[in-house]
Amino acid sequence: MVGLTYTRGDLAAASAVLTATASRLAERGEALWPLASLTPERLAQHYPAEGWRVAWQGGQAVGTFVLLDRDALFWPEDPPGEALYLHKLGIHPDAQGQGLAHRLLTEAARETREAGCAFLRLDTAASRPKLRALYESAGFRAVDEREVKGFRVVRYELPVADSAP
């Protein structure tokens, strides 16, 4: 398997990966994100540029995610510095089926550990069994299920202090 390299802050590449991912999911009847919300401009409105990671393989952007140091919407009770928060994990359709999602989660866990945080946390729609199974297979445990702004979500966390997913 060809190694991955990571860049930070490349909103254009992150947008391209997420747009391709969302388009493929929509074609399969599994819409995840509205395409209009995935432009570089819209991503920049909601997430700091320095939080974006893009995974590259053979010169192609194959995956992306964003790490945040706080998530007041989904984890409002968390004390500062306890966790990093992962959003918008996407694998380009041309690179799916290679285990890249687990590799990106491993990278996010590594960065979380290096930042001195105890947990990598995320949320996902309660109605998405494939995504939930992915996170659980990477070692995340469900913390709870709740409604946030009209959406039913499951919140997950991965302890990162001594182990990787």
C-alpha atoms as a PDB file:
ATOM      1  CA  MET A   1       0.000   0.000   0.000  1.00  0.00           C
ATOM      2  CA  VAL A   2       1.346   3.405  -0.999  1.00  0.00           C
ATOM      3  CA  GLY A   3       2.085   5.700   1.932  1.00  0.00           C
ATOM      4  CA  LEU A   4       0.036   8.751   2.742  1.00  0.00           C
ATOM      5  CA  THR A   5       1.306  12.252   3.226  1.00  0.00           C
ATOM      6  CA  TYR A   6      -0.720  14.965   4.924  1.00  0.00           C
ATOM      7  CA  THR A   7      -1.071  18.667   4.329  1.00  0.00           C
ATOM      8  CA  ARG A   8      -2.837  21.231   6.485  1.00  0.00           C
ATOM      9  CA  GLY A   9      -5.097  24.097   5.527  1.00  0.00           C
ATOM     10  CA  ASP A  10      -5.754  23.130   1.892  1.00  0.00           C
ATOM     11  CA  LEU A  11      -9.422  24.066   1.675  1.00  0.00           C
ATOM     12  CA  ALA A  12      -9.589  23.583  -2.096  1.00  0.00           C
ATOM     13  CA  ALA A  13      -8.358  19.978  -1.863  1.00  0.00           C
ATOM     14  CA  ALA A  14     -10.561  19.253   1.168  1.00  0.00           C
ATOM     15  CA  SER A  15     -13.563  20.659  -0.689  1.00  0.00           C
ATOM     16  CA  ALA A  16     -12.813  18.539  -3.769  1.00  0.00           C
ATOM     17  CA  VAL A  17     -12.616  15.328  -1.711  1.00  0.00           C
ATOM     18  CA  LEU A  18     -15.773  16.105   0.254  1.00  0.00           C
ATOM     19  CA  THR A  19     -17.702  17.115  -2.872  1.00  0.00           C
ATOM     20  CA  ALA A  20     -16.748  13.891  -4.668  1.00  0.00           C
ATOM     21  CA  THR A  21     -17.636  11.867  -1.560  1.00  0.00           C
ATOM     22  CA  ALA A  22     -21.004  13.592  -1.092  1.00  0.00           C
ATOM     23  CA  SER A  23     -21.853  13.250  -4.795  1.00  0.00           C
ATOM     24  CA  ARG A  24     -21.164   9.511  -4.754  1.00  0.00           C
ATOM     25  CA  LEU A  25     -23.231   9.023  -1.597  1.00  0.00           C
ATOM     26  CA  ALA A  26     -26.113  11.011  -3.095  1.00  0.00           C
ATOM     27  CA  GLU A  27     -25.996   8.827  -6.235  1.00  0.00           C
ATOM     28  CA  ARG A  28     -26.449   5.798  -3.956  1.00  0.00           C
ATOM     29  CA  GLY A  29     -29.368   7.413  -2.140  1.00  0.00           C
ATOM     30  CA  GLU A  30     -27.284   8.008   1.013  1.00  0.00           C
ATOM     31  CA  ALA A  31     -27.030  11.801   0.972  1.00  0.00           C
ATOM     32  CA  LEU A  32     -24.755  13.062   3.742  1.00  0.00           C
ATOM     33  CA  TRP A  33     -23.837  16.711   3.169  1.00  0.00           C
ATOM     34  CA  PRO A  34     -25.488  19.290   0.883  1.00  0.00           C
ATOM     35  CA  LEU A  35     -23.052  20.009  -1.954  1.00  0.00           C
ATOM     36  CA  ALA A  36     -23.481  23.772  -1.520  1.00  0.00           C
ATOM     37  CA  SER A  37     -22.058  23.472   2.011  1.00  0.00           C
ATOM     38  CA  LEU A  38     -18.789  21.981   0.730  1.00  0.00           C
ATOM     39  CA  THR A  39     -17.296  24.852  -1.252  1.00  0.00           C
ATOM     40  CA  PRO A  40     -13.982  26.182   0.075  1.00  0.00           C
ATOM     41  CA  GLU A  41     -15.734  29.426   1.004  1.00  0.00           C
ATOM     42  CA  ARG A  42     -18.468  27.675   3.011  1.00  0.00           C
ATOM     43  CA  LEU A  43     -15.998  25.346   4.714  1.00  0.00           C
ATOM     44  CA  ALA A  44     -13.930  28.390   5.742  1.00  0.00           C
ATOM     45  CA  GLN A  45     -17.017  29.984   7.301  1.00  0.00           C
ATOM     46  CA  HIS A  46     -17.559  27.029   9.615  1.00  0.00           C
ATOM     47  CA  TYR A  47     -14.100  25.580  10.257  1.00  0.00           C
ATOM     48  CA  PRO A  48     -10.692  27.205  10.709  1.00  0.00           C
ATOM     49  CA  ALA A  49      -8.382  26.584   7.751  1.00  0.00           C
ATOM     50  CA  GLU A  50      -5.578  25.299  10.008  1.00  0.00           C
ATOM     51  CA  GLY A  51      -7.851  22.480  11.216  1.00  0.00           C
ATOM     52  CA  TRP A  52      -8.114  20.835   7.798  1.00  0.00           C
ATOM     53  CA  ARG A  53      -6.012  17.794   6.946  1.00  0.00           C
ATOM     54  CA  VAL A  54      -5.779  16.363   3.449  1.00  0.00           C
ATOM     55  CA  ALA A  55      -4.322  12.918   2.823  1.00  0.00           C
ATOM     56  CA  TRP A  56      -2.392  12.499  -0.428  1.00  0.00           C
ATOM     57  CA  GLN A  57      -1.483   9.279  -2.179  1.00  0.00           C
ATOM     58  CA  GLY A  58       0.502   9.294  -5.405  1.00  0.00           C
ATOM     59  CA  GLY A  59      -0.117  13.018  -5.916  1.00  0.00           C
ATOM     60  CA  GLN A  60      -3.895  12.683  -5.501  1.00  0.00           C
ATOM     61  CA  ALA A  61      -6.004  14.039  -2.646  1.00  0.00           C
ATOM     62  CA  VAL A  62      -7.663  10.869  -1.344  1.00  0.00           C
ATOM     63  CA  GLY A  63      -9.081  11.843   2.050  1.00  0.00           C
ATOM     64  CA  THR A  64      -9.769  14.685   4.409  1.00  0.00           C
ATOM     65  CA  PHE A  65     -10.971  15.613   7.861  1.00  0.00           C
ATOM     66  CA  VAL A  66     -10.988  18.634  10.134  1.00  0.00           C
ATOM     67  CA  LEU A  67      -9.807  18.700  13.755  1.00  0.00           C
ATOM     68  CA  LEU A  68     -11.146  21.297  16.170  1.00  0.00           C
ATOM     69  CA  ASP A  69      -9.942  22.135  19.646  1.00  0.00           C
ATOM     70  CA  ARG A  70     -13.503  22.682  20.844  1.00  0.00           C
ATOM     71  CA  ASP A  71     -17.010  21.741  19.739  1.00  0.00           C
ATOM     72  CA  ALA A  72     -19.549  23.828  21.639  1.00  0.00           C
ATOM     73  CA  LEU A  73     -22.481  22.577  19.555  1.00  0.00           C
ATOM     74  CA  PHE A  74     -22.077  18.833  20.077  1.00  0.00           C
ATOM     75  CA  TRP A  75     -19.870  18.724  23.217  1.00  0.00           C
ATOM     76  CA  PRO A  76     -20.788  21.901  25.144  1.00  0.00           C
ATOM     77  CA  GLU A  77     -19.935  20.443  28.562  1.00  0.00           C
ATOM     78  CA  ASP A  78     -16.344  19.484  27.725  1.00  0.00           C
ATOM     79  CA  PRO A  79     -13.536  21.272  29.548  1.00  0.00           C
ATOM     80  CA  PRO A  80     -10.897  22.931  27.334  1.00  0.00           C
ATOM     81  CA  GLY A  81      -7.928  20.750  26.425  1.00  0.00           C
ATOM     82  CA  GLU A  82      -9.591  17.399  27.167  1.00  0.00           C
ATOM     83  CA  ALA A  83     -10.233  16.421  23.543  1.00  0.00           C
ATOM     84  CA  LEU A  84      -9.919  17.230  19.877  1.00  0.00           C
ATOM     85  CA  TYR A  85     -13.044  16.941  17.742  1.00  0.00           C
ATOM     86  CA  LEU A  86     -13.186  15.358  14.304  1.00  0.00           C
ATOM     87  CA  HIS A  87     -15.626  16.473  11.621  1.00  0.00           C
ATOM     88  CA  LYS A  88     -16.082  15.962   7.894  1.00  0.00           C
ATOM     89  CA  LEU A  89     -14.172  12.708   7.426  1.00  0.00           C
ATOM     90  CA  GLY A  90     -14.256  11.984   3.699  1.00  0.00           C
ATOM     91  CA  ILE A  91     -12.580   9.487   1.389  1.00  0.00           C
ATOM     92  CA  HIS A  92     -12.539  10.219  -2.340  1.00  0.00           C
ATOM     93  CA  PRO A  93     -14.654   7.614  -4.180  1.00  0.00           C
ATOM     94  CA  ASP A  94     -11.685   6.666  -6.390  1.00  0.00           C
ATOM     95  CA  ALA A  95      -9.740   5.640  -3.256  1.00  0.00           C
ATOM     96  CA  GLN A  96     -12.438   3.863  -1.279  1.00  0.00           C
ATOM     97  CA  GLY A  97     -12.024   0.246  -0.259  1.00  0.00           C
ATOM     98  CA  GLN A  98      -8.337   0.603   0.730  1.00  0.00           C
ATOM     99  CA  GLY A  99      -8.790   1.082   4.471  1.00  0.00           C
ATOM    100  CA  LEU A 100      -8.084   4.802   4.203  1.00  0.00           C
ATOM    101  CA  ALA A 101     -10.799   5.822   6.662  1.00  0.00           C
ATOM    102  CA  HIS A 102      -9.063   3.848   9.410  1.00  0.00           C
ATOM    103  CA  ARG A 103      -5.728   5.354   8.425  1.00  0.00           C
ATOM    104  CA  LEU A 104      -7.143   8.878   8.634  1.00  0.00           C
ATOM    105  CA  LEU A 105      -8.694   8.107  12.026  1.00  0.00           C
ATOM    106  CA  THR A 106      -5.309   6.796  13.172  1.00  0.00           C
ATOM    107  CA  GLU A 107      -3.682  10.046  12.035  1.00  0.00           C
ATOM    108  CA  ALA A 108      -6.322  12.101  13.869  1.00  0.00           C
ATOM    109  CA  ALA A 109      -5.743  10.025  17.029  1.00  0.00           C
ATOM    110  CA  ARG A 110      -1.970  10.527  16.724  1.00  0.00           C
ATOM    111  CA  GLU A 111      -2.393  14.296  16.425  1.00  0.00           C
ATOM    112  CA  THR A 112      -4.798  14.316  19.367  1.00  0.00           C
ATOM    113  CA  ARG A 113      -2.314  12.416  21.523  1.00  0.00           C
ATOM    114  CA  GLU A 114       0.520  14.750  20.477  1.00  0.00           C
ATOM    115  CA  ALA A 115      -1.643  17.742  21.408  1.00  0.00           C
ATOM    116  CA  GLY A 116      -1.819  16.338  24.936  1.00  0.00           C
ATOM    117  CA  CYS A 117      -5.527  15.567  24.832  1.00  0.00           C
ATOM    118  CA  ALA A 118      -7.042  12.444  26.365  1.00  0.00           C
ATOM    119  CA  PHE A 119      -9.795  11.866  23.776  1.00  0.00           C
ATOM    120  CA  LEU A 120     -10.616  12.158  20.098  1.00  0.00           C
ATOM    121  CA  ARG A 121     -14.349  12.847  19.878  1.00  0.00           C
ATOM    122  CA  LEU A 122     -16.864  12.999  17.061  1.00  0.00           C
ATOM    123  CA  ASP A 123     -20.550  12.767  16.363  1.00  0.00           C
ATOM    124  CA  THR A 124     -22.523  11.098  13.605  1.00  0.00           C
ATOM    125  CA  ALA A 125     -26.166  10.774  12.667  1.00  0.00           C
ATOM    126  CA  ALA A 126     -27.833   8.020  14.666  1.00  0.00           C
ATOM    127  CA  SER A 127     -29.447   6.804  11.427  1.00  0.00           C
ATOM    128  CA  ARG A 128     -26.124   6.009   9.679  1.00  0.00           C
ATOM    129  CA  PRO A 129     -25.265   2.414  10.640  1.00  0.00           C
ATOM    130  CA  LYS A 130     -22.307   2.171   8.210  1.00  0.00           C
ATOM    131  CA  LEU A 131     -20.575   5.199   9.682  1.00  0.00           C
ATOM    132  CA  ARG A 132     -21.316   4.052  13.203  1.00  0.00           C
ATOM    133  CA  ALA A 133     -19.827   0.626  12.409  1.00  0.00           C
ATOM    134  CA  LEU A 134     -16.724   2.294  10.931  1.00  0.00           C
ATOM    135  CA  TYR A 135     -16.102   4.325  14.072  1.00  0.00           C
ATOM    136  CA  GLU A 136     -16.769   1.379  16.357  1.00  0.00           C
ATOM    137  CA  SER A 137     -14.393  -0.822  14.348  1.00  0.00           C
ATOM    138  CA  ALA A 138     -11.713   1.860  14.867  1.00  0.00           C
ATOM    139  CA  GLY A 139     -12.126   1.624  18.639  1.00  0.00           C
ATOM    140  CA  PHE A 140     -14.504   4.506  19.299  1.00  0.00           C
ATOM    141  CA  ARG A 141     -17.151   3.932  21.942  1.00  0.00           C
ATOM    142  CA  ALA A 142     -20.605   5.461  21.928  1.00  0.00           C
ATOM    143  CA  VAL A 143     -20.949   7.983  24.747  1.00  0.00           C
ATOM    144  CA  ASP A 144     -24.617   8.849  24.280  1.00  0.00           C
ATOM    145  CA  GLU A 145     -27.345   9.679  21.794  1.00  0.00           C
ATOM    146  CA  ARG A 146     -28.992  13.089  21.754  1.00  0.00           C
ATOM    147  CA  GLU A 147     -30.836  15.585  19.629  1.00  0.00           C
ATOM    148  CA  VAL A 148     -28.839  18.592  18.409  1.00  0.00           C
ATOM    149  CA  LYS A 149     -30.634  21.247  16.360  1.00  0.00           C
ATOM    150  CA  GLY A 150     -33.252  18.762  15.190  1.00  0.00           C
ATOM    151  CA  PHE A 151     -30.790  15.975  14.309  1.00  0.00           C
ATOM    152  CA  ARG A 152     -30.464  12.739  16.274  1.00  0.00           C
ATOM    153  CA  VAL A 153     -26.742  12.070  16.753  1.00  0.00           C
ATOM    154  CA  VAL A 154     -24.544   9.569  18.525  1.00  0.00           C
ATOM    155  CA  ARG A 155     -21.476  11.024  20.203  1.00  0.00           C
ATOM    156  CA  TYR A 156     -18.337   8.866  20.138  1.00  0.00           C
ATOM    157  CA  GLU A 157     -14.971   9.082  21.828  1.00  0.00           C
ATOM    158  CA  LEU A 158     -11.647   7.318  21.534  1.00  0.00           C
ATOM    159  CA  PRO A 159      -9.168   7.413  24.422  1.00  0.00           C
ATOM    160  CA  VAL A 160      -5.797   8.228  22.856  1.00  0.00           C
ATOM    161  CA  ALA A 161      -3.417   8.513  25.800  1.00  0.00           C
ATOM    162  CA  ASP A 162      -1.819   5.077  25.525  1.00  0.00           C
ATOM    163  CA  SER A 163      -3.176   3.437  22.389  1.00  0.00           C
ATOM    164  CA  ALA A 164      -3.999   4.067  18.768  1.00  0.00           C
ATOM    165  CA  PRO A 165      -7.160   2.921  16.965  1.00  0.00           C
END
